[in-house]
Each structure stands twice: as C-alpha cells, then as structure tokens.
Amino acid sequence: MRLPVRISYRGSQIAGETENISRLGAYIETSRNIPLGAELTITLSLSADAAGPKPSAEINCLASVFRSGLIRQEGENKYYGLGVFFTSFPQQSDRDELSSYMDLLTLREEQHLREGLKQLKERRASSEKIQAAWQADCAKCLAALKQILAKLQKLYSLAQAKK
C-alpha cells in the first residue's frame, strides 16, 4: 500500500511513501538515506480511498530503522528504501487506527482474491465449454470427412469398373 509519509529525523522533515505496511512496521521509499538504528518520528497519512467512507487520517508513531539502502537513481535524484519497525505510538488511538486500517486492507485483499478466484473459475468453465464445443465440431467434421471418403471410394470403384 502506497501511503504518504512524513519522517522527522534530527530536526529535518523528510517526505516519503510506503511501499508496504503492516501493524509492526513499513518499507518506505524516500529521497534521503537514513542510517540503520536511527530513531524516527513518522506521520502516516491513511488514505480515504483505501479506508472506505471514512475521511483520511494521520497517525503518529516512533520507529527504528532496521534496513536502509539505495534502491534506484534517476539522473541526479537518488531514492532510498527504509525498513522501519514501529517502536511505539504516542497515543493508543494512533495504534488502534492503524490496526483498524490494516484490518480493512486485509478484508479488501481477501475480497479481491475471492473475486479473482471466482473469475478464474468462470473463465476455466467457459474455456472447458468452448473446448468441448470445439471437440464436438471436430467430431462432426471427422464424421463428414469419413462419409465423403466413403463416397469418393465408391466413385473410384465405379470408375475403375467402367475401365
């Protein structure tokens, strides 16, 4: 889930975006490298489109960097990936909001998987029907060709008899 993130680190504000997120932490892409073990204050913007009818919410947490490294460079711009572990939430409501959000995302993912499996089964059933119809058509064509062959053999026999 890509969510906007603001990172506070040593008096600096750094913008970023999550690549994935869980109740325990996140993988964040940002334009600044932050060293392993760094303690951060993170503000996550939970998007309204993923949360359904609820308005967007911002939650705050403290985090520790456990992975950090350059992931790509586009011209002069460098992008870093940060793996962070959420160490605490200043307010219980922030933890609860993230947990509810993750529950909602999990339910949506399960629904998408169910819908995808249903569509796959429907396509497979449709494909099987098409294949069965094709095989039936092939059988009809083969039967017709056998009849034509039998008639041609009779004609050949008659032609040979007249010689």
N, C-alpha and C. Protein backbone atom coordinates (compact mmCIF):
# COMPACT_ATOMS: atom_id res chain seq x y z
N MET A 1 0.84 -1.18 0.00
CA MET A 1 0.00 0.00 0.00
C MET A 1 0.89 1.23 0.00
N ARG A 2 0.67 2.09 -0.97
CA ARG A 2 1.46 3.31 -1.07
C ARG A 2 0.75 4.43 -0.32
N LEU A 3 1.37 4.85 0.77
CA LEU A 3 0.82 5.92 1.59
C LEU A 3 1.85 7.01 1.79
N PRO A 4 1.42 8.27 1.78
CA PRO A 4 2.36 9.36 2.05
C PRO A 4 2.86 9.29 3.49
N VAL A 5 4.13 9.63 3.68
CA VAL A 5 4.77 9.57 4.99
C VAL A 5 5.59 10.85 5.19
N ARG A 6 5.54 11.37 6.40
CA ARG A 6 6.47 12.44 6.80
C ARG A 6 7.36 11.87 7.89
N ILE A 7 8.64 12.01 7.70
CA ILE A 7 9.62 11.49 8.65
C ILE A 7 10.32 12.66 9.31
N SER A 8 10.37 12.64 10.64
CA SER A 8 11.15 13.63 11.38
C SER A 8 12.41 12.93 11.86
N TYR A 9 13.55 13.48 11.44
CA TYR A 9 14.83 12.89 11.82
C TYR A 9 15.84 14.00 12.05
N ARG A 10 16.34 14.10 13.26
CA ARG A 10 17.34 15.10 13.64
C ARG A 10 16.95 16.50 13.19
N GLY A 11 15.72 16.87 13.44
CA GLY A 11 15.24 18.22 13.13
C GLY A 11 14.84 18.43 11.68
N SER A 12 15.02 17.43 10.83
CA SER A 12 14.65 17.55 9.41
C SER A 12 13.31 16.86 9.17
N GLN A 13 12.57 17.40 8.22
CA GLN A 13 11.33 16.77 7.76
C GLN A 13 11.60 16.17 6.38
N ILE A 14 11.35 14.87 6.25
CA ILE A 14 11.63 14.16 5.02
C ILE A 14 10.34 13.52 4.52
N ALA A 15 10.02 13.77 3.26
CA ALA A 15 8.83 13.16 2.67
C ALA A 15 9.18 11.78 2.14
N GLY A 16 8.20 10.91 2.16
CA GLY A 16 8.38 9.57 1.62
C GLY A 16 7.05 8.93 1.30
N GLU A 17 7.13 7.67 0.91
CA GLU A 17 5.92 6.93 0.57
C GLU A 17 6.15 5.47 0.93
N THR A 18 5.16 4.86 1.55
CA THR A 18 5.31 3.44 1.88
C THR A 18 5.22 2.60 0.63
N GLU A 19 5.99 1.54 0.59
CA GLU A 19 5.88 0.51 -0.45
C GLU A 19 4.98 -0.60 0.08
N ASN A 20 5.12 -0.88 1.37
CA ASN A 20 4.21 -1.80 2.05
C ASN A 20 4.17 -1.42 3.51
N ILE A 21 3.15 -1.91 4.20
CA ILE A 21 2.95 -1.53 5.58
C ILE A 21 2.26 -2.67 6.31
N SER A 22 2.55 -2.76 7.61
CA SER A 22 1.88 -3.73 8.47
C SER A 22 1.66 -3.07 9.82
N ARG A 23 1.11 -3.81 10.75
CA ARG A 23 0.92 -3.28 12.10
C ARG A 23 2.27 -3.07 12.81
N LEU A 24 3.29 -3.78 12.36
CA LEU A 24 4.58 -3.74 13.05
C LEU A 24 5.58 -2.78 12.43
N GLY A 25 5.40 -2.44 11.15
CA GLY A 25 6.36 -1.57 10.51
C GLY A 25 6.01 -1.31 9.06
N ALA A 26 6.97 -0.74 8.35
CA ALA A 26 6.73 -0.38 6.96
C ALA A 26 8.05 -0.35 6.20
N TYR A 27 7.91 -0.44 4.89
CA TYR A 27 9.05 -0.22 3.99
C TYR A 27 8.74 1.09 3.28
N ILE A 28 9.62 2.05 3.42
CA ILE A 28 9.37 3.41 2.95
C ILE A 28 10.42 3.80 1.92
N GLU A 29 9.95 4.43 0.84
CA GLU A 29 10.85 4.98 -0.15
C GLU A 29 10.94 6.48 0.09
N THR A 30 12.17 6.98 0.12
CA THR A 30 12.40 8.40 0.38
C THR A 30 13.62 8.87 -0.40
N SER A 31 13.81 10.18 -0.44
CA SER A 31 14.93 10.74 -1.19
C SER A 31 16.17 10.96 -0.32
N ARG A 32 16.09 10.53 0.92
CA ARG A 32 17.24 10.73 1.81
C ARG A 32 17.58 9.42 2.52
N ASN A 33 18.85 9.12 2.58
CA ASN A 33 19.31 7.93 3.28
C ASN A 33 19.35 8.20 4.78
N ILE A 34 18.84 7.27 5.54
CA ILE A 34 18.86 7.39 7.00
C ILE A 34 19.56 6.13 7.52
N PRO A 35 20.49 6.28 8.43
CA PRO A 35 21.30 5.13 8.85
C PRO A 35 20.53 4.11 9.67
N LEU A 36 21.05 2.90 9.67
CA LEU A 36 20.50 1.82 10.48
C LEU A 36 20.49 2.23 11.95
N GLY A 37 19.42 1.84 12.64
CA GLY A 37 19.31 2.13 14.07
C GLY A 37 18.78 3.51 14.39
N ALA A 38 18.63 4.38 13.38
CA ALA A 38 18.13 5.73 13.64
C ALA A 38 16.72 5.67 14.20
N GLU A 39 16.46 6.56 15.16
CA GLU A 39 15.12 6.68 15.74
C GLU A 39 14.39 7.80 15.01
N LEU A 40 13.17 7.50 14.56
CA LEU A 40 12.39 8.45 13.75
C LEU A 40 11.02 8.69 14.38
N THR A 41 10.48 9.84 14.06
CA THR A 41 9.07 10.10 14.31
C THR A 41 8.41 10.10 12.93
N ILE A 42 7.37 9.29 12.79
CA ILE A 42 6.73 9.11 11.49
C ILE A 42 5.27 9.52 11.59
N THR A 43 4.82 10.25 10.57
CA THR A 43 3.40 10.55 10.42
C THR A 43 2.94 9.87 9.14
N LEU A 44 2.02 8.94 9.29
CA LEU A 44 1.45 8.21 8.16
C LEU A 44 0.12 8.83 7.80
N SER A 45 -0.11 9.04 6.52
CA SER A 45 -1.41 9.53 6.04
C SER A 45 -2.18 8.34 5.48
N LEU A 46 -3.18 7.91 6.23
CA LEU A 46 -4.01 6.79 5.79
C LEU A 46 -5.04 7.33 4.82
N SER A 47 -5.01 6.86 3.60
CA SER A 47 -5.85 7.43 2.55
C SER A 47 -7.31 7.03 2.70
N ALA A 48 -8.18 7.98 2.36
CA ALA A 48 -9.61 7.74 2.45
C ALA A 48 -10.07 6.72 1.42
N ASP A 49 -9.46 6.70 0.24
CA ASP A 49 -9.92 5.76 -0.79
C ASP A 49 -9.72 4.32 -0.35
N ALA A 50 -8.67 4.04 0.39
CA ALA A 50 -8.45 2.68 0.87
C ALA A 50 -9.26 2.40 2.13
N ALA A 51 -9.56 3.44 2.88
CA ALA A 51 -10.28 3.26 4.14
C ALA A 51 -11.79 3.29 3.97
N GLY A 52 -12.25 3.45 2.77
CA GLY A 52 -13.69 3.45 2.54
C GLY A 52 -14.29 4.81 2.82
N PRO A 53 -15.47 4.84 3.42
CA PRO A 53 -16.17 6.10 3.60
C PRO A 53 -15.55 7.02 4.65
N LYS A 54 -14.65 6.49 5.47
CA LYS A 54 -14.02 7.32 6.49
C LYS A 54 -13.13 8.37 5.84
N PRO A 55 -13.00 9.54 6.47
CA PRO A 55 -12.06 10.54 5.93
C PRO A 55 -10.62 10.07 6.16
N SER A 56 -9.71 10.71 5.46
CA SER A 56 -8.29 10.39 5.65
C SER A 56 -7.90 10.64 7.10
N ALA A 57 -6.96 9.86 7.58
CA ALA A 57 -6.49 10.03 8.95
C ALA A 57 -4.97 10.06 8.94
N GLU A 58 -4.41 10.79 9.89
CA GLU A 58 -2.96 10.79 10.07
C GLU A 58 -2.67 10.15 11.42
N ILE A 59 -1.70 9.27 11.42
CA ILE A 59 -1.30 8.68 12.68
C ILE A 59 0.18 8.93 12.89
N ASN A 60 0.56 9.01 14.14
CA ASN A 60 1.95 9.27 14.50
C ASN A 60 2.51 8.06 15.24
N CYS A 61 3.79 7.79 14.99
CA CYS A 61 4.45 6.71 15.71
C CYS A 61 5.94 6.97 15.75
N LEU A 62 6.59 6.27 16.65
CA LEU A 62 8.03 6.28 16.72
C LEU A 62 8.50 5.00 16.05
N ALA A 63 9.65 5.09 15.38
CA ALA A 63 10.13 3.93 14.63
C ALA A 63 11.64 3.88 14.67
N SER A 64 12.15 2.68 14.41
CA SER A 64 13.59 2.46 14.34
C SER A 64 13.92 1.87 12.97
N VAL A 65 14.99 2.36 12.34
CA VAL A 65 15.39 1.89 11.02
C VAL A 65 16.18 0.58 11.16
N PHE A 66 15.70 -0.48 10.49
CA PHE A 66 16.44 -1.75 10.52
C PHE A 66 16.99 -2.12 9.15
N ARG A 67 16.60 -1.39 8.10
CA ARG A 67 17.14 -1.61 6.76
C ARG A 67 17.21 -0.25 6.07
N SER A 68 18.30 -0.02 5.35
CA SER A 68 18.46 1.25 4.67
C SER A 68 19.43 1.06 3.51
N GLY A 69 19.04 1.56 2.34
CA GLY A 69 19.95 1.46 1.21
C GLY A 69 19.39 2.10 -0.04
N LEU A 70 20.30 2.41 -0.95
CA LEU A 70 19.94 2.99 -2.24
C LEU A 70 19.16 1.95 -3.05
N ILE A 71 18.00 2.35 -3.59
CA ILE A 71 17.22 1.41 -4.40
C ILE A 71 17.21 1.79 -5.87
N ARG A 72 17.39 3.06 -6.17
CA ARG A 72 17.48 3.46 -7.58
C ARG A 72 17.97 4.90 -7.67
N GLN A 73 18.42 5.23 -8.88
CA GLN A 73 18.86 6.59 -9.16
C GLN A 73 18.30 6.99 -10.50
N GLU A 74 17.69 8.16 -10.54
CA GLU A 74 17.14 8.71 -11.78
C GLU A 74 17.81 10.06 -12.01
N GLY A 75 18.83 10.03 -12.87
CA GLY A 75 19.61 11.25 -13.09
C GLY A 75 20.35 11.62 -11.81
N GLU A 76 20.13 12.82 -11.34
CA GLU A 76 20.76 13.29 -10.09
C GLU A 76 20.01 12.82 -8.85
N ASN A 77 18.76 12.39 -9.02
CA ASN A 77 17.91 12.02 -7.89
C ASN A 77 18.18 10.59 -7.44
N LYS A 78 18.39 10.44 -6.14
CA LYS A 78 18.59 9.12 -5.54
C LYS A 78 17.39 8.80 -4.66
N TYR A 79 17.02 7.51 -4.65
CA TYR A 79 15.90 7.05 -3.84
C TYR A 79 16.37 5.91 -2.96
N TYR A 80 15.99 6.00 -1.71
CA TYR A 80 16.43 5.03 -0.71
C TYR A 80 15.24 4.27 -0.16
N GLY A 81 15.49 3.02 0.21
CA GLY A 81 14.48 2.21 0.85
C GLY A 81 14.81 2.06 2.32
N LEU A 82 13.80 2.33 3.15
CA LEU A 82 13.97 2.22 4.60
C LEU A 82 13.01 1.19 5.14
N GLY A 83 13.54 0.21 5.82
CA GLY A 83 12.69 -0.70 6.57
C GLY A 83 12.62 -0.17 7.98
N VAL A 84 11.42 0.10 8.46
CA VAL A 84 11.27 0.63 9.82
C VAL A 84 10.37 -0.27 10.64
N PHE A 85 10.70 -0.36 11.90
CA PHE A 85 9.90 -1.10 12.87
C PHE A 85 9.24 -0.07 13.77
N PHE A 86 7.92 -0.13 13.90
CA PHE A 86 7.22 0.81 14.78
C PHE A 86 7.52 0.41 16.24
N THR A 87 8.14 1.33 16.98
CA THR A 87 8.53 1.03 18.35
C THR A 87 7.48 1.46 19.37
N SER A 88 6.75 2.53 19.06
CA SER A 88 5.68 2.96 19.98
C SER A 88 4.76 3.96 19.28
N PHE A 89 3.61 4.13 19.88
CA PHE A 89 2.62 5.08 19.39
C PHE A 89 2.34 6.05 20.54
N PRO A 90 2.49 7.36 20.29
CA PRO A 90 2.27 8.33 21.37
C PRO A 90 0.85 8.24 21.96
N GLN A 91 -0.11 7.87 21.12
CA GLN A 91 -1.49 7.75 21.59
C GLN A 91 -2.04 6.39 21.19
N GLN A 92 -2.79 5.78 22.07
CA GLN A 92 -3.39 4.49 21.78
C GLN A 92 -4.30 4.58 20.56
N SER A 93 -4.93 5.74 20.36
CA SER A 93 -5.84 5.91 19.22
C SER A 93 -5.07 5.77 17.89
N ASP A 94 -3.80 6.17 17.86
CA ASP A 94 -2.98 6.00 16.65
C ASP A 94 -2.77 4.52 16.35
N ARG A 95 -2.44 3.75 17.39
CA ARG A 95 -2.25 2.30 17.22
C ARG A 95 -3.57 1.66 16.77
N ASP A 96 -4.66 2.06 17.40
CA ASP A 96 -5.98 1.49 17.07
C ASP A 96 -6.37 1.83 15.63
N GLU A 97 -6.09 3.07 15.21
CA GLU A 97 -6.43 3.50 13.85
C GLU A 97 -5.64 2.69 12.82
N LEU A 98 -4.35 2.48 13.06
CA LEU A 98 -3.53 1.68 12.15
C LEU A 98 -4.04 0.24 12.12
N SER A 99 -4.37 -0.30 13.27
CA SER A 99 -4.85 -1.68 13.33
C SER A 99 -6.17 -1.82 12.56
N SER A 100 -7.07 -0.89 12.74
CA SER A 100 -8.35 -0.92 12.00
C SER A 100 -8.12 -0.79 10.50
N TYR A 101 -7.19 0.06 10.14
CA TYR A 101 -6.87 0.27 8.73
C TYR A 101 -6.31 -1.02 8.12
N MET A 102 -5.41 -1.67 8.85
CA MET A 102 -4.83 -2.92 8.35
C MET A 102 -5.91 -4.00 8.24
N ASP A 103 -6.84 -4.04 9.19
CA ASP A 103 -7.95 -4.99 9.11
C ASP A 103 -8.76 -4.76 7.84
N LEU A 104 -9.05 -3.49 7.56
CA LEU A 104 -9.81 -3.15 6.37
C LEU A 104 -9.06 -3.55 5.10
N LEU A 105 -7.77 -3.27 5.05
CA LEU A 105 -6.97 -3.65 3.88
C LEU A 105 -6.94 -5.16 3.70
N THR A 106 -6.84 -5.88 4.80
CA THR A 106 -6.84 -7.35 4.74
C THR A 106 -8.16 -7.87 4.21
N LEU A 107 -9.27 -7.31 4.70
CA LEU A 107 -10.59 -7.72 4.20
C LEU A 107 -10.74 -7.43 2.71
N ARG A 108 -10.28 -6.26 2.30
CA ARG A 108 -10.35 -5.91 0.86
C ARG A 108 -9.51 -6.85 0.02
N GLU A 109 -8.33 -7.19 0.51
CA GLU A 109 -7.47 -8.10 -0.24
C GLU A 109 -8.12 -9.47 -0.35
N GLU A 110 -8.74 -9.93 0.74
CA GLU A 110 -9.44 -11.22 0.71
C GLU A 110 -10.59 -11.17 -0.30
N GLN A 111 -11.33 -10.06 -0.33
CA GLN A 111 -12.43 -9.92 -1.29
C GLN A 111 -11.90 -9.95 -2.71
N HIS A 112 -10.81 -9.25 -2.96
CA HIS A 112 -10.22 -9.23 -4.31
C HIS A 112 -9.76 -10.63 -4.71
N LEU A 113 -9.17 -11.34 -3.75
CA LEU A 113 -8.73 -12.71 -4.05
C LEU A 113 -9.92 -13.61 -4.37
N ARG A 114 -10.99 -13.48 -3.58
CA ARG A 114 -12.20 -14.29 -3.84
C ARG A 114 -12.78 -13.96 -5.22
N GLU A 115 -12.85 -12.67 -5.54
CA GLU A 115 -13.38 -12.27 -6.84
C GLU A 115 -12.48 -12.79 -7.97
N GLY A 116 -11.17 -12.71 -7.77
CA GLY A 116 -10.24 -13.21 -8.78
C GLY A 116 -10.38 -14.71 -8.97
N LEU A 117 -10.52 -15.43 -7.89
CA LEU A 117 -10.71 -16.89 -7.99
C LEU A 117 -12.02 -17.23 -8.68
N LYS A 118 -13.06 -16.47 -8.36
CA LYS A 118 -14.36 -16.69 -8.99
C LYS A 118 -14.25 -16.46 -10.50
N GLN A 119 -13.60 -15.36 -10.90
CA GLN A 119 -13.42 -15.07 -12.32
C GLN A 119 -12.58 -16.14 -13.00
N LEU A 120 -11.55 -16.61 -12.31
CA LEU A 120 -10.71 -17.67 -12.87
C LEU A 120 -11.53 -18.94 -13.09
N LYS A 121 -12.35 -19.30 -12.12
CA LYS A 121 -13.21 -20.49 -12.25
C LYS A 121 -14.19 -20.31 -13.40
N GLU A 122 -14.76 -19.12 -13.52
CA GLU A 122 -15.71 -18.84 -14.61
C GLU A 122 -15.01 -18.94 -15.96
N ARG A 123 -13.81 -18.37 -16.05
CA ARG A 123 -13.05 -18.44 -17.31
C ARG A 123 -12.69 -19.88 -17.64
N ARG A 124 -12.30 -20.62 -16.61
CA ARG A 124 -11.93 -22.02 -16.82
C ARG A 124 -13.15 -22.81 -17.30
N ALA A 125 -14.32 -22.58 -16.65
CA ALA A 125 -15.54 -23.28 -17.06
C ALA A 125 -15.91 -22.90 -18.49
N SER A 126 -15.79 -21.60 -18.81
CA SER A 126 -16.09 -21.14 -20.16
C SER A 126 -15.13 -21.77 -21.16
N SER A 127 -13.86 -21.83 -20.79
CA SER A 127 -12.85 -22.44 -21.66
C SER A 127 -13.15 -23.91 -21.88
N GLU A 128 -13.56 -24.58 -20.82
CA GLU A 128 -13.90 -26.00 -20.95
C GLU A 128 -15.11 -26.20 -21.86
N LYS A 129 -16.10 -25.28 -21.77
CA LYS A 129 -17.28 -25.36 -22.65
C LYS A 129 -16.86 -25.14 -24.10
N ILE A 130 -16.00 -24.15 -24.32
CA ILE A 130 -15.53 -23.85 -25.67
C ILE A 130 -14.75 -25.05 -26.21
N GLN A 131 -13.89 -25.63 -25.37
CA GLN A 131 -13.11 -26.78 -25.80
C GLN A 131 -14.02 -27.97 -26.12
N ALA A 132 -15.05 -28.19 -25.30
CA ALA A 132 -15.99 -29.29 -25.55
C ALA A 132 -16.74 -29.05 -26.86
N ALA A 133 -17.16 -27.80 -27.11
CA ALA A 133 -17.86 -27.48 -28.35
C ALA A 133 -16.93 -27.68 -29.55
N TRP A 134 -15.68 -27.27 -29.41
CA TRP A 134 -14.71 -27.44 -30.48
C TRP A 134 -14.49 -28.92 -30.76
N GLN A 135 -14.37 -29.71 -29.71
CA GLN A 135 -14.18 -31.16 -29.91
C GLN A 135 -15.41 -31.77 -30.59
N ALA A 136 -16.61 -31.31 -30.21
CA ALA A 136 -17.83 -31.82 -30.85
C ALA A 136 -17.84 -31.44 -32.33
N ASP A 137 -17.46 -30.19 -32.63
CA ASP A 137 -17.39 -29.75 -34.03
C ASP A 137 -16.37 -30.57 -34.81
N CYS A 138 -15.23 -30.84 -34.19
CA CYS A 138 -14.20 -31.65 -34.84
C CYS A 138 -14.72 -33.07 -35.12
N ALA A 139 -15.46 -33.61 -34.16
CA ALA A 139 -16.02 -34.95 -34.34
C ALA A 139 -17.01 -34.95 -35.50
N LYS A 140 -17.83 -33.90 -35.60
CA LYS A 140 -18.79 -33.79 -36.71
C LYS A 140 -18.04 -33.68 -38.05
N CYS A 141 -17.00 -32.85 -38.07
CA CYS A 141 -16.20 -32.69 -39.30
C CYS A 141 -15.56 -34.02 -39.69
N LEU A 142 -15.03 -34.73 -38.73
CA LEU A 142 -14.40 -36.01 -39.00
C LEU A 142 -15.41 -37.01 -39.55
N ALA A 143 -16.62 -37.01 -38.97
CA ALA A 143 -17.66 -37.91 -39.47
C ALA A 143 -18.04 -37.54 -40.90
N ALA A 144 -18.15 -36.24 -41.18
CA ALA A 144 -18.47 -35.79 -42.54
C ALA A 144 -17.36 -36.18 -43.51
N LEU A 145 -16.11 -36.01 -43.10
CA LEU A 145 -14.98 -36.39 -43.96
C LEU A 145 -14.98 -37.90 -44.23
N LYS A 146 -15.35 -38.69 -43.25
CA LYS A 146 -15.42 -40.15 -43.44
C LYS A 146 -16.50 -40.49 -44.47
N GLN A 147 -17.63 -39.78 -44.40
CA GLN A 147 -18.70 -40.01 -45.38
C GLN A 147 -18.23 -39.62 -46.78
N ILE A 148 -17.55 -38.47 -46.87
CA ILE A 148 -17.03 -38.02 -48.17
C ILE A 148 -16.03 -39.04 -48.71
N LEU A 149 -15.15 -39.53 -47.84
CA LEU A 149 -14.16 -40.52 -48.25
C LEU A 149 -14.85 -41.79 -48.75
N ALA A 150 -15.88 -42.22 -48.05
CA ALA A 150 -16.60 -43.43 -48.47
C ALA A 150 -17.23 -43.23 -49.84
N LYS A 151 -17.80 -42.04 -50.07
CA LYS A 151 -18.42 -41.75 -51.37
C LYS A 151 -17.36 -41.69 -52.47
N LEU A 152 -16.21 -41.07 -52.14
CA LEU A 152 -15.13 -41.00 -53.13
C LEU A 152 -14.60 -42.39 -53.47
N GLN A 153 -14.54 -43.25 -52.48
CA GLN A 153 -14.09 -44.62 -52.73
C GLN A 153 -15.08 -45.37 -53.63
N LYS A 154 -16.38 -45.14 -53.41
CA LYS A 154 -17.40 -45.76 -54.27
C LYS A 154 -17.24 -45.25 -55.69
N LEU A 155 -17.08 -43.92 -55.82
CA LEU A 155 -16.90 -43.34 -57.15
C LEU A 155 -15.65 -43.90 -57.82
N TYR A 156 -14.59 -44.04 -57.09
CA TYR A 156 -13.36 -44.58 -57.63
C TYR A 156 -13.58 -46.03 -58.08
N SER A 157 -14.27 -46.78 -57.25
CA SER A 157 -14.56 -48.18 -57.61
C SER A 157 -15.41 -48.26 -58.88
N LEU A 158 -16.41 -47.38 -58.99
CA LEU A 158 -17.25 -47.36 -60.17
C LEU A 158 -16.43 -46.95 -61.41
N ALA A 159 -15.54 -45.98 -61.24
CA ALA A 159 -14.70 -45.54 -62.33
C ALA A 159 -13.76 -46.65 -62.77
N GLN A 160 -13.25 -47.36 -61.83
CA GLN A 160 -12.34 -48.48 -62.14
C GLN A 160 -13.10 -49.61 -62.86
N ALA A 161 -14.35 -49.82 -62.44
CA ALA A 161 -15.16 -50.90 -63.02
C ALA A 161 -15.50 -50.57 -64.47
N LYS A 162 -15.67 -49.30 -64.82
CA LYS A 162 -16.00 -48.89 -66.16
C LYS A 162 -14.82 -48.94 -67.11
N LYS A 163 -13.64 -49.02 -66.66
CA LYS A 163 -12.44 -49.08 -67.50
C LYS A 163 -12.33 -50.39 -68.09
